[in-house]
N, C-alpha and C. Protein backbone atom coordinates (compact mmCIF):
# COMPACT_ATOMS: atom_id res chain seq x y z
N MET A 1 139.42 70.49 83.24
CA MET A 1 138.51 69.46 83.67
C MET A 1 137.36 70.10 84.43
N LEU A 2 136.18 69.56 84.29
CA LEU A 2 135.00 70.10 84.95
C LEU A 2 134.94 69.66 86.40
N ASN A 3 134.44 70.55 87.23
CA ASN A 3 134.23 70.21 88.64
C ASN A 3 132.98 69.35 88.76
N PRO A 4 132.93 68.48 89.76
CA PRO A 4 131.70 67.71 89.97
C PRO A 4 130.55 68.65 90.30
N ILE A 5 129.37 68.25 89.89
CA ILE A 5 128.19 69.08 90.09
C ILE A 5 127.95 69.34 91.57
N SER A 6 128.27 68.41 92.42
CA SER A 6 128.01 68.59 93.85
C SER A 6 128.81 69.73 94.45
N SER A 7 129.89 70.16 93.83
CA SER A 7 130.70 71.23 94.40
C SER A 7 130.35 72.60 93.84
N LEU A 8 129.31 72.69 93.03
CA LEU A 8 128.93 73.98 92.44
C LEU A 8 128.20 74.83 93.47
N ASP A 9 128.50 76.12 93.46
CA ASP A 9 127.71 77.01 94.30
C ASP A 9 126.86 77.88 93.39
N PHE A 10 125.71 78.28 93.90
CA PHE A 10 124.74 79.01 93.12
C PHE A 10 124.79 80.48 93.49
N ASN A 11 124.88 81.35 92.49
CA ASN A 11 124.97 82.78 92.71
C ASN A 11 123.88 83.48 91.91
N LEU A 12 122.84 83.95 92.58
CA LEU A 12 121.73 84.61 91.90
C LEU A 12 122.06 86.03 91.46
N ASP A 13 123.08 86.64 92.02
CA ASP A 13 123.37 88.04 91.73
C ASP A 13 123.65 88.26 90.24
N ARG A 14 124.32 87.34 89.59
CA ARG A 14 124.65 87.54 88.18
C ARG A 14 123.48 87.22 87.27
N LEU A 15 122.46 86.54 87.76
CA LEU A 15 121.34 86.15 86.92
C LEU A 15 120.07 86.94 87.22
N SER A 16 120.13 87.95 88.08
CA SER A 16 118.93 88.68 88.45
C SER A 16 118.39 89.46 87.26
N PRO A 17 117.06 89.38 87.02
CA PRO A 17 116.47 90.08 85.88
C PRO A 17 116.41 91.58 86.13
N PRO A 18 116.48 92.38 85.06
CA PRO A 18 116.38 93.82 85.23
C PRO A 18 114.98 94.21 85.69
N THR A 19 114.88 95.28 86.46
CA THR A 19 113.59 95.67 87.03
C THR A 19 112.88 96.73 86.22
N ALA A 20 113.56 97.47 85.36
CA ALA A 20 112.93 98.54 84.60
C ALA A 20 112.26 97.97 83.35
N ALA A 21 111.32 98.75 82.81
CA ALA A 21 110.64 98.36 81.58
C ALA A 21 111.63 98.43 80.42
N PRO A 22 111.41 97.67 79.32
CA PRO A 22 112.36 97.66 78.21
C PRO A 22 112.62 99.04 77.63
N SER A 23 111.58 99.88 77.51
CA SER A 23 111.79 101.20 76.93
C SER A 23 112.66 102.07 77.83
N VAL A 24 112.50 101.92 79.15
CA VAL A 24 113.31 102.69 80.09
C VAL A 24 114.75 102.19 80.05
N ARG A 25 114.94 100.88 79.97
CA ARG A 25 116.29 100.32 79.90
C ARG A 25 117.00 100.78 78.64
N ALA A 26 116.28 100.85 77.52
CA ALA A 26 116.91 101.27 76.28
C ALA A 26 117.30 102.74 76.32
N ALA A 27 116.49 103.57 76.97
CA ALA A 27 116.76 105.00 77.02
C ALA A 27 117.89 105.33 77.99
N ALA A 28 117.91 104.69 79.14
CA ALA A 28 118.91 104.99 80.17
C ALA A 28 119.43 103.70 80.77
N PRO A 29 120.64 103.24 80.39
CA PRO A 29 121.18 102.00 80.95
C PRO A 29 121.37 102.12 82.46
N THR A 30 121.09 101.05 83.16
CA THR A 30 121.18 101.06 84.62
C THR A 30 122.57 100.67 85.08
N GLN A 31 122.80 100.83 86.36
CA GLN A 31 124.09 100.46 86.97
C GLN A 31 124.33 98.96 86.80
N ALA A 32 123.26 98.15 86.95
CA ALA A 32 123.41 96.70 86.83
C ALA A 32 123.84 96.31 85.41
N ALA A 33 123.28 96.99 84.41
CA ALA A 33 123.64 96.70 83.03
C ALA A 33 125.10 97.06 82.77
N ALA A 34 125.55 98.15 83.35
CA ALA A 34 126.95 98.56 83.17
C ALA A 34 127.90 97.56 83.82
N SER A 35 127.54 97.07 85.01
CA SER A 35 128.41 96.11 85.68
C SER A 35 128.38 94.75 84.98
N THR A 36 127.24 94.40 84.38
CA THR A 36 127.15 93.14 83.65
C THR A 36 128.01 93.20 82.38
N ALA A 37 128.01 94.36 81.74
CA ALA A 37 128.82 94.51 80.53
C ALA A 37 130.31 94.44 80.86
N ALA A 38 130.69 94.89 82.04
CA ALA A 38 132.09 94.87 82.42
C ALA A 38 132.57 93.46 82.73
N GLN A 39 131.68 92.61 83.23
CA GLN A 39 132.04 91.25 83.58
C GLN A 39 131.25 90.27 82.72
N PRO A 40 131.84 89.77 81.64
CA PRO A 40 131.11 88.82 80.80
C PRO A 40 130.84 87.52 81.55
N VAL A 41 129.65 86.98 81.33
CA VAL A 41 129.26 85.73 81.97
C VAL A 41 129.47 84.60 80.98
N ASP A 42 130.18 83.59 81.41
CA ASP A 42 130.47 82.44 80.58
C ASP A 42 129.25 81.52 80.53
N PHE A 43 128.97 80.94 79.36
CA PHE A 43 127.82 80.05 79.22
C PHE A 43 127.96 78.84 80.14
N MET A 44 129.18 78.35 80.29
CA MET A 44 129.41 77.21 81.17
C MET A 44 129.09 77.57 82.62
N ASP A 45 129.42 78.81 83.02
CA ASP A 45 129.11 79.25 84.38
C ASP A 45 127.60 79.30 84.61
N VAL A 46 126.87 79.78 83.61
CA VAL A 46 125.41 79.85 83.73
C VAL A 46 124.83 78.45 83.86
N LEU A 47 125.29 77.52 83.03
CA LEU A 47 124.80 76.15 83.12
C LEU A 47 125.16 75.52 84.47
N ALA A 48 126.34 75.83 84.97
CA ALA A 48 126.75 75.30 86.27
C ALA A 48 125.85 75.83 87.38
N GLU A 49 125.52 77.12 87.32
CA GLU A 49 124.65 77.71 88.33
C GLU A 49 123.24 77.13 88.26
N VAL A 50 122.73 76.97 87.05
CA VAL A 50 121.38 76.42 86.89
C VAL A 50 121.33 74.98 87.37
N SER A 51 122.36 74.19 87.04
CA SER A 51 122.36 72.80 87.49
C SER A 51 122.52 72.72 89.00
N GLY A 52 123.30 73.61 89.58
CA GLY A 52 123.42 73.65 91.04
C GLY A 52 122.11 73.99 91.71
N SER A 53 121.38 74.92 91.12
CA SER A 53 120.07 75.29 91.65
C SER A 53 119.09 74.12 91.54
N ALA A 54 119.13 73.43 90.40
CA ALA A 54 118.23 72.29 90.21
C ALA A 54 118.53 71.19 91.23
N MET A 55 119.81 70.94 91.48
CA MET A 55 120.18 69.92 92.46
C MET A 55 119.73 70.33 93.86
N ALA A 56 119.84 71.61 94.18
CA ALA A 56 119.39 72.09 95.49
C ALA A 56 117.88 71.91 95.64
N ASP A 57 117.13 72.20 94.56
CA ASP A 57 115.68 72.00 94.60
C ASP A 57 115.33 70.53 94.77
N LEU A 58 116.06 69.65 94.08
CA LEU A 58 115.79 68.21 94.20
C LEU A 58 116.09 67.72 95.61
N ARG A 59 117.18 68.20 96.18
CA ARG A 59 117.51 67.81 97.56
C ARG A 59 116.47 68.34 98.55
N ALA A 60 116.00 69.57 98.32
CA ALA A 60 114.99 70.15 99.20
C ALA A 60 113.68 69.37 99.09
N GLY A 61 113.32 68.95 97.89
CA GLY A 61 112.12 68.14 97.71
C GLY A 61 112.22 66.80 98.40
N GLU A 62 113.39 66.19 98.30
CA GLU A 62 113.62 64.91 98.97
C GLU A 62 113.56 65.07 100.49
N ALA A 63 114.20 66.11 101.00
CA ALA A 63 114.19 66.35 102.45
C ALA A 63 112.78 66.66 102.94
N ALA A 64 112.02 67.40 102.13
CA ALA A 64 110.65 67.72 102.52
C ALA A 64 109.77 66.48 102.54
N SER A 65 109.96 65.59 101.58
CA SER A 65 109.14 64.38 101.57
C SER A 65 109.48 63.47 102.74
N ILE A 66 110.74 63.42 103.12
CA ILE A 66 111.13 62.63 104.29
C ILE A 66 110.54 63.25 105.55
N ALA A 67 110.63 64.60 105.65
CA ALA A 67 110.06 65.29 106.81
C ALA A 67 108.55 65.12 106.86
N GLY A 68 107.91 65.06 105.71
CA GLY A 68 106.47 64.84 105.67
C GLY A 68 106.09 63.45 106.15
N MET A 69 106.90 62.44 105.79
CA MET A 69 106.62 61.08 106.25
C MET A 69 106.83 60.95 107.75
N GLU A 70 107.75 61.75 108.28
CA GLU A 70 108.00 61.72 109.73
C GLU A 70 107.01 62.59 110.50
N GLY A 71 106.15 63.32 109.78
CA GLY A 71 105.17 64.18 110.43
C GLY A 71 105.73 65.52 110.88
N LYS A 72 106.89 65.90 110.40
CA LYS A 72 107.52 67.15 110.81
C LYS A 72 107.16 68.32 109.89
N MET A 73 106.50 68.02 108.78
CA MET A 73 106.17 69.07 107.81
C MET A 73 104.75 68.84 107.31
N SER A 74 104.04 69.94 107.04
CA SER A 74 102.66 69.82 106.59
C SER A 74 102.61 69.29 105.15
N VAL A 75 101.45 68.76 104.79
CA VAL A 75 101.27 68.20 103.46
C VAL A 75 101.45 69.29 102.40
N GLN A 76 100.94 70.48 102.68
CA GLN A 76 101.06 71.58 101.72
C GLN A 76 102.52 71.92 101.46
N GLN A 77 103.33 71.99 102.50
CA GLN A 77 104.75 72.30 102.32
C GLN A 77 105.46 71.20 101.54
N VAL A 78 105.10 69.96 101.81
CA VAL A 78 105.71 68.84 101.09
C VAL A 78 105.35 68.91 99.61
N VAL A 79 104.08 69.16 99.32
CA VAL A 79 103.64 69.23 97.92
C VAL A 79 104.34 70.38 97.20
N GLU A 80 104.46 71.54 97.85
CA GLU A 80 105.13 72.68 97.23
C GLU A 80 106.60 72.36 96.93
N ALA A 81 107.28 71.73 97.87
CA ALA A 81 108.69 71.40 97.67
C ALA A 81 108.86 70.36 96.56
N VAL A 82 107.99 69.36 96.54
CA VAL A 82 108.09 68.32 95.52
C VAL A 82 107.75 68.88 94.14
N MET A 83 106.76 69.77 94.06
CA MET A 83 106.41 70.38 92.78
C MET A 83 107.55 71.27 92.27
N SER A 84 108.21 71.97 93.16
CA SER A 84 109.36 72.79 92.77
C SER A 84 110.49 71.90 92.26
N ALA A 85 110.71 70.78 92.94
CA ALA A 85 111.74 69.83 92.50
C ALA A 85 111.39 69.24 91.14
N GLU A 86 110.11 68.94 90.93
CA GLU A 86 109.68 68.38 89.65
C GLU A 86 109.88 69.39 88.53
N LYS A 87 109.56 70.64 88.79
CA LYS A 87 109.75 71.69 87.79
C LYS A 87 111.23 71.84 87.44
N SER A 88 112.09 71.80 88.44
CA SER A 88 113.53 71.89 88.20
C SER A 88 114.03 70.70 87.38
N LEU A 89 113.53 69.52 87.70
CA LEU A 89 113.93 68.33 86.95
C LEU A 89 113.48 68.40 85.50
N GLN A 90 112.24 68.85 85.27
CA GLN A 90 111.75 68.98 83.91
C GLN A 90 112.56 70.00 83.12
N THR A 91 112.94 71.09 83.77
CA THR A 91 113.77 72.10 83.11
C THR A 91 115.14 71.53 82.76
N ALA A 92 115.74 70.80 83.69
CA ALA A 92 117.05 70.20 83.44
C ALA A 92 116.97 69.19 82.29
N LEU A 93 115.91 68.41 82.24
CA LEU A 93 115.76 67.44 81.16
C LEU A 93 115.56 68.14 79.82
N ALA A 94 114.81 69.24 79.80
CA ALA A 94 114.61 69.99 78.56
C ALA A 94 115.93 70.58 78.06
N VAL A 95 116.73 71.11 78.97
CA VAL A 95 118.04 71.65 78.58
C VAL A 95 118.93 70.54 78.06
N ARG A 96 118.92 69.40 78.74
CA ARG A 96 119.73 68.26 78.27
C ARG A 96 119.31 67.83 76.87
N ASP A 97 118.00 67.76 76.63
CA ASP A 97 117.51 67.35 75.31
C ASP A 97 117.96 68.33 74.23
N LYS A 98 117.93 69.63 74.54
CA LYS A 98 118.36 70.63 73.57
C LYS A 98 119.86 70.53 73.29
N VAL A 99 120.64 70.27 74.32
CA VAL A 99 122.09 70.13 74.14
C VAL A 99 122.40 68.90 73.30
N VAL A 100 121.72 67.79 73.56
CA VAL A 100 121.93 66.57 72.77
C VAL A 100 121.52 66.80 71.33
N SER A 101 120.40 67.48 71.13
CA SER A 101 119.93 67.77 69.77
C SER A 101 120.93 68.66 69.02
N ALA A 102 121.46 69.67 69.69
CA ALA A 102 122.45 70.55 69.06
C ALA A 102 123.71 69.77 68.72
N TYR A 103 124.14 68.90 69.61
CA TYR A 103 125.33 68.08 69.37
C TYR A 103 125.12 67.17 68.15
N GLN A 104 123.93 66.59 68.05
CA GLN A 104 123.64 65.72 66.91
C GLN A 104 123.62 66.51 65.60
N GLU A 105 123.09 67.73 65.64
CA GLU A 105 123.07 68.56 64.44
C GLU A 105 124.49 68.94 64.01
N ILE A 106 125.34 69.23 64.97
CA ILE A 106 126.74 69.54 64.65
C ILE A 106 127.41 68.33 64.02
N GLY A 107 127.08 67.14 64.52
CA GLY A 107 127.65 65.92 63.96
C GLY A 107 127.20 65.66 62.54
N ARG A 108 126.03 66.15 62.16
CA ARG A 108 125.51 65.95 60.81
C ARG A 108 126.00 66.99 59.81
N MET A 109 126.67 68.02 60.28
CA MET A 109 127.14 69.08 59.38
C MET A 109 128.21 68.55 58.43
N ALA A 110 128.14 69.05 57.21
CA ALA A 110 129.16 68.68 56.22
C ALA A 110 130.41 69.52 56.45
N ILE A 111 131.54 68.86 56.38
CA ILE A 111 132.81 69.57 56.62
C ILE A 111 133.37 70.06 55.31
């Protein structure tokens, strides 16, 4: 059974992008690449982390807008937080649309 989204924790360590150029990475694998190969990342775990991050951004945007209405935060900070939340929401909706589309295509496959 899946855990509720609210109980997900976000771990950036497993999703950090490599820092070397592609040609350098191909010639000499880094320590991070070796450790990533040793620990396979589950697709469900990645989706859980991304959704947890999106929820954190949405909560931060909501808290920033409330703080802005109370006069505790500058307009610029509120706009930045809300724009970040909007970007996260748009990304989550795009992922959802792709998942629904893939599910529908699987349903149309001939058995």
